[in-house]
């Protein structure tokens, strides 16, 4: 059995999945799309529903806050 490669997200694709306009390719892709939006920071730039939903998903432990890398120097 070969491991299926997960498709990469774009802002449009992630939004389409979380809004239910595009069918997820695999069962966890819905939450992966939310996590991508959170990690990329795009979720906080979109309309309020995205940010409120992301905050709820983080609050209940479904998604995690992005890991902020400290800059060296």
Protein backbone atom coordinates (compact mmCIF):
# COMPACT_ATOMS: atom_id res chain seq x y z
CA UNK A 1 0.00 0.00 0.00
CA UNK A 2 1.41 3.37 -0.98
CA UNK A 3 0.88 6.40 1.17
CA UNK A 4 -1.40 8.92 -0.54
CA UNK A 5 0.17 12.34 -0.91
CA UNK A 6 -2.00 15.06 0.60
CA UNK A 7 -2.73 17.95 -1.75
CA UNK A 8 -1.31 21.35 -0.91
CA UNK A 9 -3.61 24.18 0.05
CA UNK A 10 -4.08 27.58 -1.45
CA UNK A 11 -6.18 30.26 0.18
CA UNK A 12 -8.99 29.67 -2.30
CA UNK A 13 -8.95 25.89 -1.93
CA UNK A 14 -8.86 26.00 1.87
CA UNK A 15 -11.81 28.44 1.92
CA UNK A 16 -13.78 26.31 -0.53
CA UNK A 17 -13.30 23.24 1.67
CA UNK A 18 -14.18 24.90 4.99
CA UNK A 19 -17.24 26.54 3.42
CA UNK A 20 -18.38 23.18 2.02
CA UNK A 21 -18.12 24.23 -1.63
CA UNK A 22 -15.38 21.66 -2.40
CA UNK A 23 -15.49 18.07 -1.23
CA UNK A 24 -12.46 17.09 0.90
CA UNK A 25 -10.12 14.60 -0.81
CA UNK A 26 -9.64 12.62 2.41
CA UNK A 27 -11.55 12.53 5.74
CA UNK A 28 -9.24 14.84 7.71
CA UNK A 29 -8.87 17.43 4.97
CA UNK A 30 -11.61 19.67 6.42
CA UNK A 31 -9.65 20.13 9.66
CA UNK A 32 -6.35 20.27 7.76
CA UNK A 33 -7.77 23.19 5.76
CA UNK A 34 -8.67 25.01 8.99
CA UNK A 35 -5.22 24.31 10.42
CA UNK A 36 -3.59 25.62 7.23
CA UNK A 37 -5.63 28.82 7.43
CA UNK A 38 -4.56 29.25 11.07
CA UNK A 39 -0.89 28.43 10.44
CA UNK A 40 -0.68 30.76 7.45
CA UNK A 41 -2.33 33.60 9.37
CA UNK A 42 -4.86 34.07 6.57
CA UNK A 43 -7.78 33.15 8.82
CA UNK A 44 -7.40 36.43 10.75
CA UNK A 45 -7.53 38.48 7.53
CA UNK A 46 -10.82 37.00 6.29
CA UNK A 47 -14.38 37.84 7.29
CA UNK A 48 -15.36 37.44 10.94
CA UNK A 49 -16.88 33.96 10.67
CA UNK A 50 -13.48 32.48 9.82
CA UNK A 51 -11.74 34.04 12.81
CA UNK A 52 -14.54 33.14 15.24
CA UNK A 53 -14.64 29.55 14.01
CA UNK A 54 -10.84 29.25 14.14
CA UNK A 55 -10.81 30.62 17.70
CA UNK A 56 -13.44 28.04 18.69
CA UNK A 57 -11.46 25.20 17.06
CA UNK A 58 -8.32 26.29 18.90
CA UNK A 59 -10.19 26.74 22.17
CA UNK A 60 -11.68 23.24 22.09
CA UNK A 61 -8.36 21.63 21.08
CA UNK A 62 -9.42 20.57 17.59
CA UNK A 63 -6.78 22.83 16.01
CA UNK A 64 -3.60 24.32 17.45
CA UNK A 65 -2.11 27.77 17.46
CA UNK A 66 0.67 28.21 14.91
CA UNK A 67 4.22 27.63 16.04
CA UNK A 68 6.06 30.94 15.91
CA UNK A 69 9.71 30.48 15.05
CA UNK A 70 12.08 32.86 16.78
CA UNK A 71 14.37 34.71 14.44
CA UNK A 72 18.04 34.12 14.89
CA UNK A 73 20.37 37.00 15.00
